[in-house]
Amino acid sequence: MRSRFLLGTGIFFLLFLLFFPLTFLGGFQQKWSLFLWGDLAGWIVKNIFTINQSRIDFSSDSSSMLALAMILLTVSVLVVVLVRKKYHQIIIDLSKEIIVLYLAVVLMKYGFDKIFKVQFYLPEPNILYSRFGNLDRDILFWSTMGTSRLYSVSAGALELLAATLILFHKTRLFGLLVSIGILLNIFLINIGFDISVKFFSLILLSMAVFALKDDWIPLYRFLILKQEVKPEGKREISPKFHAIWIFFKTAFVGLSLAVILFPFINSGNFNDDTSERPLLHGAFKNIDVNSDIQYIFFHRNSYLILMDKNEKMVDFHYLQGSKNQLILEDYTNKKTKVNYIYQKKDSLLTLNFGKYMIKTKELNWRTMNAVKPLFHATIEEME
């Protein structure tokens, strides 16, 4: 029974890492997942989950991802029934090695993203000028983490350490224990702050627990029962396939690292906080105190955001048209041309919306306390 459970779990994880799209590895996973499971997942979402309008893209925490998990779980059960018992242990051991490799690459990806401040990015001006109570918990968490480069780099370094440790058999036990601690913390954060990678982080945590399947009982005897535990020989890939496995493992990690690091090497920027922003990026306060519009923000991803006095926001995607002209596009694809005059010397920006004009003064949002690199060694320094 235990053998069949481990076999089914291992096969499910193998299918999951094969078909769940990791965007940083390219779009090929999503393409073949949609080709094989798209129609069936759409049917499950519509007829079992009774959700009529849903994108079938298998993104984390989406109904299509849950449908995909149901499909893969069913396939795993069928495979367990069909596979002969003498192959159980071979498949379980192989699945463990592949899962460990997958965990290492995912930890590397998120580790480098933290070190280079891409995951916990600096809060945008529209967030900084919003009241605390008006923000969702996930935005609050993301923005708070983004204000501290030290925390981001430290967390990323720990993830890279765990990824490196689990790649080698001699340090794998310790590396997996560190990974479980990291992934458990991430899962609880996602639950507690309603961040939409809950299911994916749970899968990663479960994978790390599965990878320790041969060590839980010895760890229990050593840590809880205080018994002497003799090291047992670890089951590895069959010797005749060992060289092929080492080549595949090295090639996969090497190519993954190249894909992960290429954007940073190509741009020459290894700290997202200092990356180049668009010309008008920032916060602008309306000079007309009688106007309903209080602030205008330019987001780094080419969004213009209007905030009124009640902090209600309306955003438009914009493109640079001709000189001193923006082309705004709303969510109905309606386009509007807006002429502007930006006087950098006086920090003045005038936007002409046709029937009305907004004159604004640029604010230095980088001097706000939340994004200042403040550090106090003693409480007296805070006074």
Protein backbone atom coordinates (compact mmCIF):
# COMPACT_ATOMS: atom_id res chain seq x y z
CA MET A 1 0.00 0.00 0.00
CA ARG A 2 2.80 2.41 0.94
CA SER A 3 4.61 1.56 -2.29
CA ARG A 4 1.53 2.34 -4.38
CA PHE A 5 0.92 5.61 -2.52
CA LEU A 6 4.51 6.75 -3.05
CA LEU A 7 4.36 5.64 -6.68
CA GLY A 8 1.15 7.58 -7.30
CA THR A 9 2.54 10.65 -5.53
CA GLY A 10 5.77 10.54 -7.50
CA ILE A 11 3.96 10.13 -10.83
CA PHE A 12 1.59 13.00 -10.01
CA PHE A 13 4.53 15.30 -9.23
CA LEU A 14 6.28 14.27 -12.45
CA LEU A 15 3.17 15.03 -14.48
CA PHE A 16 2.68 18.32 -12.65
CA LEU A 17 6.20 19.60 -13.34
CA LEU A 18 5.80 18.49 -16.94
CA PHE A 19 2.49 20.22 -17.61
CA PHE A 20 2.24 23.14 -15.14
CA PRO A 21 3.62 26.19 -17.00
CA LEU A 22 6.68 27.90 -15.55
CA THR A 23 6.76 31.11 -17.54
CA PHE A 24 10.49 31.74 -17.05
CA LEU A 25 11.27 28.52 -18.92
CA GLY A 26 9.30 29.68 -21.96
CA GLY A 27 5.80 28.99 -23.24
CA PHE A 28 6.25 25.41 -24.43
CA GLN A 29 4.70 23.85 -21.30
CA GLN A 30 1.53 25.88 -21.65
CA LYS A 31 1.25 25.02 -25.35
CA TRP A 32 1.40 21.26 -24.93
CA SER A 33 -0.75 21.40 -21.77
CA LEU A 34 -3.45 23.28 -23.67
CA PHE A 35 -3.13 20.88 -26.59
CA LEU A 36 -3.51 17.78 -24.41
CA TRP A 37 -5.73 18.93 -21.56
CA GLY A 38 -7.23 22.30 -22.55
CA ASP A 39 -10.63 21.05 -23.75
CA LEU A 40 -11.05 18.62 -20.85
CA ALA A 41 -10.00 21.26 -18.30
CA GLY A 42 -12.49 23.70 -19.86
CA TRP A 43 -15.25 21.10 -19.56
CA ILE A 44 -14.40 20.46 -15.88
CA VAL A 45 -14.36 24.17 -15.09
CA LYS A 46 -17.73 24.71 -16.76
CA ASN A 47 -19.60 21.56 -15.71
CA ILE A 48 -18.04 20.57 -12.38
CA PHE A 49 -16.89 23.91 -10.99
CA THR A 50 -19.87 25.62 -12.71
CA ILE A 51 -17.75 28.59 -13.75
CA ASN A 52 -18.84 29.87 -17.16
CA GLN A 53 -16.25 32.58 -17.72
CA SER A 54 -12.70 31.42 -17.03
CA ARG A 55 -9.41 31.63 -18.87
CA ILE A 56 -7.95 28.19 -19.48
CA ASP A 57 -4.28 29.04 -19.03
CA PHE A 58 -3.39 26.87 -15.99
CA SER A 59 -2.04 29.85 -14.06
CA SER A 60 -1.59 29.36 -10.32
CA ASP A 61 -4.74 29.32 -8.19
CA SER A 62 -6.96 29.48 -11.27
CA SER A 63 -9.89 27.12 -11.73
CA SER A 64 -8.11 25.71 -14.79
CA MET A 65 -5.08 24.83 -12.64
CA LEU A 66 -7.30 22.94 -10.20
CA ALA A 67 -8.91 21.16 -13.15
CA LEU A 68 -5.46 20.24 -14.45
CA ALA A 69 -4.53 18.86 -11.01
CA MET A 70 -7.67 16.69 -11.05
CA ILE A 71 -6.79 15.37 -14.50
CA LEU A 72 -3.19 14.60 -13.56
CA LEU A 73 -4.28 12.95 -10.32
CA THR A 74 -6.64 10.67 -12.27
CA VAL A 75 -3.90 9.80 -14.77
CA SER A 76 -1.55 9.03 -11.86
CA VAL A 77 -4.03 6.56 -10.36
CA LEU A 78 -4.44 4.83 -13.73
CA VAL A 79 -0.66 4.53 -14.14
CA VAL A 80 -0.33 3.03 -10.65
CA VAL A 81 -2.89 0.37 -11.57
CA LEU A 82 -1.10 -0.48 -14.83
CA VAL A 83 2.55 -0.48 -13.68
CA ARG A 84 3.92 -3.81 -12.48
CA LYS A 85 5.15 -3.95 -8.90
CA LYS A 86 8.77 -4.71 -9.81
CA TYR A 87 9.02 -1.26 -11.42
CA HIS A 88 7.54 0.64 -8.47
CA GLN A 89 10.79 1.40 -6.66
CA ILE A 90 12.63 2.35 -9.85
CA ILE A 91 9.95 4.91 -10.75
CA ILE A 92 9.77 6.24 -7.17
CA ASP A 93 13.55 6.75 -7.00
CA LEU A 94 13.64 8.37 -10.44
CA SER A 95 10.75 10.69 -9.58
CA LYS A 96 12.54 11.76 -6.39
CA GLU A 97 15.68 12.71 -8.33
CA ILE A 98 13.72 14.68 -10.93
CA ILE A 99 11.63 16.41 -8.27
CA VAL A 100 14.78 17.48 -6.40
CA LEU A 101 16.18 18.89 -9.66
CA TYR A 102 12.92 20.79 -10.27
CA LEU A 103 12.90 22.21 -6.73
CA ALA A 104 16.50 23.36 -7.13
CA VAL A 105 15.73 25.26 -10.34
CA VAL A 106 12.59 26.89 -8.89
CA LEU A 107 14.49 27.95 -5.76
CA MET A 108 17.27 29.35 -7.96
CA LYS A 109 14.75 31.33 -10.00
CA TYR A 110 13.09 32.95 -7.00
CA GLY A 111 16.42 33.32 -5.19
CA PHE A 112 17.98 35.35 -8.00
CA ASP A 113 14.74 37.34 -8.42
CA LYS A 114 14.98 38.37 -4.78
CA ILE A 115 18.68 39.15 -4.90
CA PHE A 116 18.18 41.37 -7.95
CA LYS A 117 15.00 42.92 -6.43
CA VAL A 118 12.69 41.75 -9.21
CA GLN A 119 10.25 39.81 -7.05
CA PHE A 120 10.04 42.27 -4.14
CA TYR A 121 10.23 45.39 -6.29
CA LEU A 122 10.19 48.96 -5.07
CA PRO A 123 6.61 50.18 -4.49
CA GLU A 124 5.14 52.29 -7.26
CA PRO A 125 4.23 55.94 -6.51
CA ASN A 126 0.47 55.25 -6.67
CA ILE A 127 0.90 52.69 -3.87
CA LEU A 128 3.00 55.03 -1.73
CA TYR A 129 0.37 57.77 -1.94
CA SER A 130 -2.53 55.45 -1.08
CA ARG A 131 -3.81 55.11 2.47
CA PHE A 132 -2.77 51.95 4.28
CA GLY A 133 -6.34 50.85 4.94
CA ASN A 134 -7.38 51.11 1.29
CA LEU A 135 -4.82 48.56 0.06
CA ASP A 136 -5.38 44.83 -0.27
CA ARG A 137 -3.30 42.57 1.95
CA ASP A 138 -1.32 41.07 -0.91
CA ILE A 139 -0.33 44.54 -2.17
CA LEU A 140 0.56 45.58 1.37
CA PHE A 141 2.83 42.58 1.82
CA TRP A 142 4.49 42.91 -1.57
CA SER A 143 5.04 46.65 -1.11
CA THR A 144 6.43 46.30 2.41
CA MET A 145 8.90 43.63 1.35
CA GLY A 146 9.91 45.80 -1.59
CA THR A 147 11.09 48.62 0.67
CA SER A 148 13.92 46.53 2.12
CA ARG A 149 16.75 45.45 -0.16
CA LEU A 150 18.60 43.78 2.73
CA TYR A 151 15.70 41.44 3.45
CA SER A 152 15.17 40.67 -0.22
CA VAL A 153 18.85 39.85 -0.82
CA SER A 154 19.08 37.77 2.38
CA ALA A 155 15.97 35.74 1.57
CA GLY A 156 17.23 35.18 -1.97
CA ALA A 157 20.64 34.04 -0.76
CA LEU A 158 19.00 31.52 1.58
CA GLU A 159 16.95 30.10 -1.31
CA LEU A 160 20.07 29.83 -3.48
CA LEU A 161 21.88 28.07 -0.63
CA ALA A 162 19.04 25.55 -0.28
CA ALA A 163 19.00 24.98 -4.06
CA THR A 164 22.74 24.30 -4.10
CA LEU A 165 22.63 21.95 -1.10
CA ILE A 166 19.89 19.72 -2.51
CA LEU A 167 21.77 19.18 -5.77
CA PHE A 168 24.43 17.12 -4.00
CA HIS A 169 23.67 13.86 -2.20
CA LYS A 170 26.00 14.55 0.75
CA THR A 171 24.21 17.81 1.63
CA ARG A 172 20.74 16.95 0.34
CA LEU A 173 19.19 16.06 3.70
CA PHE A 174 20.12 19.41 5.24
CA GLY A 175 19.19 21.23 2.04
CA LEU A 176 15.73 19.66 1.93
CA LEU A 177 15.11 20.52 5.59
CA VAL A 178 16.05 24.15 4.84
CA SER A 179 13.86 24.05 1.72
CA ILE A 180 10.88 22.79 3.72
CA GLY A 181 11.32 25.65 6.18
CA ILE A 182 11.48 28.17 3.31
CA LEU A 183 8.51 26.70 1.43
CA LEU A 184 6.38 26.35 4.57
CA ASN A 185 6.98 30.03 5.32
CA ILE A 186 6.08 30.96 1.72
CA PHE A 187 2.90 28.86 1.83
CA LEU A 188 1.76 30.48 5.10
CA ILE A 189 2.51 33.95 3.69
CA ASN A 190 0.44 33.15 0.59
CA ILE A 191 -2.45 31.95 2.74
CA GLY A 192 -2.20 34.75 5.29
CA PHE A 193 -1.91 37.57 2.76
CA ASP A 194 -4.18 36.03 0.08
CA ILE A 195 -1.43 35.88 -2.54
CA SER A 196 -2.46 33.93 -5.61
CA VAL A 197 0.22 31.24 -5.66
CA LYS A 198 -1.20 29.25 -2.76
CA PHE A 199 -1.69 25.98 -4.61
CA PHE A 200 1.67 26.12 -6.39
CA SER A 201 3.54 26.81 -3.14
CA LEU A 202 1.65 23.90 -1.50
CA ILE A 203 2.74 21.61 -4.34
CA LEU A 204 6.37 22.71 -3.95
CA LEU A 205 6.20 22.11 -0.19
CA SER A 206 4.70 18.65 -0.77
CA MET A 207 7.47 17.87 -3.27
CA ALA A 208 10.13 18.71 -0.68
CA VAL A 209 8.39 16.50 1.89
CA PHE A 210 8.21 13.66 -0.67
CA ALA A 211 11.91 14.04 -1.48
CA LEU A 212 12.64 13.29 2.19
CA LYS A 213 10.60 10.08 2.12
CA ASP A 214 13.60 7.91 3.08
CA ASP A 215 14.70 10.21 5.92
CA TRP A 216 11.61 10.97 7.98
CA ILE A 217 11.77 7.82 10.13
CA PRO A 218 15.54 8.11 10.83
CA LEU A 219 15.07 11.80 11.65
CA TYR A 220 12.21 10.95 14.04
CA ARG A 221 14.31 8.29 15.77
CA PHE A 222 17.31 10.60 16.07
CA LEU A 223 15.58 13.88 17.01
CA ILE A 224 12.57 12.68 19.00
CA LEU A 225 13.47 9.24 20.36
CA LYS A 226 17.16 10.18 20.82
CA GLN A 227 18.21 6.87 19.28
CA GLU A 228 21.45 6.22 17.48
CA VAL A 229 20.82 6.05 13.75
CA LYS A 230 23.23 4.33 11.41
CA PRO A 231 23.51 5.94 7.98
CA GLU A 232 21.98 3.81 5.27
CA GLY A 233 23.10 3.68 1.69
CA LYS A 234 20.95 5.98 -0.46
CA ARG A 235 19.28 4.55 -3.52
CA GLU A 236 20.41 6.40 -6.59
CA ILE A 237 20.01 6.15 -10.34
CA SER A 238 21.10 2.76 -11.72
CA PRO A 239 24.91 2.74 -12.33
CA LYS A 240 24.48 2.06 -16.04
CA PHE A 241 22.43 5.26 -16.39
CA HIS A 242 24.51 7.29 -13.94
CA ALA A 243 26.64 9.08 -16.55
CA ILE A 244 23.58 9.95 -18.64
CA TRP A 245 21.80 11.29 -15.55
CA ILE A 246 24.79 13.44 -14.55
CA PHE A 247 24.90 14.87 -18.08
CA PHE A 248 21.16 15.60 -18.09
CA LYS A 249 21.27 17.09 -14.59
CA THR A 250 24.23 19.36 -15.44
CA ALA A 251 22.71 20.42 -18.76
CA PHE A 252 19.29 21.15 -17.25
CA VAL A 253 20.66 23.21 -14.36
CA GLY A 254 23.08 25.02 -16.69
CA LEU A 255 20.42 25.90 -19.26
CA SER A 256 17.99 26.95 -16.54
CA LEU A 257 20.60 29.23 -15.00
CA ALA A 258 21.29 30.73 -18.41
CA VAL A 259 17.57 31.45 -18.92
CA ILE A 260 17.24 32.88 -15.40
CA LEU A 261 20.31 35.12 -15.57
CA PHE A 262 20.18 36.21 -19.21
CA PRO A 263 17.73 39.15 -18.70
CA PHE A 264 19.97 40.62 -15.99
CA ILE A 265 23.21 40.09 -17.92
CA ASN A 266 21.61 41.47 -21.08
CA SER A 267 20.38 44.64 -19.36
CA GLY A 268 23.52 45.04 -17.24
CA ASN A 269 21.32 45.90 -14.25
CA PHE A 270 21.38 43.70 -11.15
CA ASN A 271 19.22 45.84 -8.88
CA ASP A 272 15.70 46.53 -10.08
CA ASP A 273 15.42 49.51 -7.72
CA THR A 274 17.87 51.39 -9.94
CA SER A 275 16.57 50.20 -13.31
CA GLU A 276 15.58 52.86 -15.84
CA ARG A 277 12.01 54.20 -15.56
CA PRO A 278 9.95 55.93 -18.27
CA LEU A 279 10.40 59.69 -18.71
CA LEU A 280 7.24 60.70 -16.85
CA HIS A 281 7.40 57.96 -14.22
CA GLY A 282 6.42 59.29 -10.82
CA ALA A 283 3.75 61.16 -8.85
CA PHE A 284 2.22 64.51 -9.82
CA LYS A 285 -0.10 66.57 -7.59
CA ASN A 286 -2.87 68.62 -9.15
CA ILE A 287 -2.28 72.33 -8.55
CA ASP A 288 -6.02 73.08 -8.82
CA VAL A 289 -7.33 72.40 -5.30
CA ASN A 290 -10.94 72.60 -6.53
CA SER A 291 -10.49 69.74 -8.98
CA ASP A 292 -11.74 66.25 -8.15
CA ILE A 293 -8.47 64.84 -9.46
CA GLN A 294 -5.90 64.93 -6.67
CA TYR A 295 -2.94 63.01 -8.12
CA ILE A 296 -1.71 61.67 -11.44
CA PHE A 297 0.71 58.76 -11.41
CA PHE A 298 2.81 57.27 -14.17
CA HIS A 299 3.47 53.59 -13.55
CA ARG A 300 6.68 51.98 -14.83
CA ASN A 301 4.63 49.54 -16.92
CA SER A 302 3.18 52.39 -19.00
CA TYR A 303 0.01 53.06 -17.05
CA LEU A 304 -1.39 56.50 -16.32
CA ILE A 305 -3.40 56.51 -13.10
CA LEU A 306 -5.80 59.23 -11.95
CA MET A 307 -6.61 59.39 -8.23
CA ASP A 308 -9.48 61.54 -6.94
CA LYS A 309 -9.89 62.98 -3.44
CA ASN A 310 -11.60 59.79 -2.25
CA GLU A 311 -8.61 57.78 -3.48
CA LYS A 312 -10.64 56.16 -6.22
CA MET A 313 -8.33 55.33 -9.09
CA VAL A 314 -8.85 55.08 -12.85
CA ASP A 315 -6.02 53.76 -14.97
CA PHE A 316 -5.17 53.78 -18.67
CA HIS A 317 -2.45 52.05 -20.58
CA TYR A 318 -0.48 54.60 -22.55
CA LEU A 319 1.90 54.75 -25.48
CA GLN A 320 4.14 57.60 -26.50
CA GLY A 321 2.62 59.13 -29.64
CA SER A 322 4.25 62.00 -31.44
CA LYS A 323 6.44 64.38 -29.46
CA ASN A 324 4.67 65.62 -26.31
CA GLN A 325 1.66 63.38 -26.95
CA LEU A 326 0.36 60.31 -25.16
CA ILE A 327 -2.14 57.81 -26.51
CA LEU A 328 -4.31 56.49 -23.67
CA GLU A 329 -6.25 53.24 -23.98
CA ASP A 330 -8.97 52.16 -21.53
CA TYR A 331 -10.28 48.65 -20.89
CA THR A 332 -12.81 48.94 -23.71
CA ASN A 333 -9.91 49.59 -26.13
CA LYS A 334 -11.04 53.20 -26.62
CA LYS A 335 -8.05 55.39 -27.44
CA THR A 336 -7.61 59.06 -26.53
CA LYS A 337 -4.80 61.41 -27.53
CA VAL A 338 -3.51 63.63 -24.73
CA ASN A 339 -1.02 66.42 -25.34
CA TYR A 340 1.36 67.32 -22.53
CA ILE A 341 4.02 69.84 -21.61
CA TYR A 342 6.67 68.72 -19.15
CA GLN A 343 8.95 71.40 -17.66
CA LYS A 344 11.58 69.31 -15.90
CA LYS A 345 13.33 72.34 -14.46
CA ASP A 346 10.23 73.49 -12.59
CA SER A 347 8.82 69.94 -12.13
CA LEU A 348 5.59 71.03 -13.83
CA LEU A 349 3.44 68.80 -16.02
CA THR A 350 0.41 70.02 -17.94
CA LEU A 351 -1.95 67.49 -19.53
CA ASN A 352 -4.49 68.55 -22.13
CA PHE A 353 -7.47 66.17 -22.22
CA GLY A 354 -9.28 68.22 -24.86
CA LYS A 355 -12.16 69.82 -22.97
CA TYR A 356 -10.18 70.28 -19.79
CA MET A 357 -6.59 70.75 -18.72
CA ILE A 358 -4.77 69.51 -15.63
CA LYS A 359 -1.73 71.34 -14.29
CA THR A 360 0.39 69.35 -11.88
CA LYS A 361 3.54 69.59 -9.77
CA GLU A 362 5.92 66.63 -9.64
CA LEU A 363 6.53 65.14 -6.19
CA ASN A 364 9.77 63.53 -5.07
CA TRP A 365 8.31 60.20 -3.98
CA ARG A 366 11.75 58.72 -3.30
CA THR A 367 12.09 60.97 -0.21
CA MET A 368 9.10 59.34 1.48
CA ASN A 369 9.98 57.52 4.71
CA ALA A 370 8.87 54.12 3.38
CA VAL A 371 11.54 54.07 0.67
CA LYS A 372 14.34 55.85 2.52
CA PRO A 373 17.26 53.52 3.36
CA LEU A 374 16.84 54.19 7.08
CA PHE A 375 18.56 52.11 9.78
CA HIS A 376 18.60 52.80 13.51
CA ALA A 377 21.10 50.97 15.71
CA THR A 378 19.47 52.21 18.92
CA ILE A 379 16.00 53.45 19.85
CA GLU A 380 17.49 56.84 20.78
CA GLU A 381 18.36 57.41 17.12
CA MET A 382 14.67 57.10 16.21
CA GLU A 383 13.66 60.11 18.29
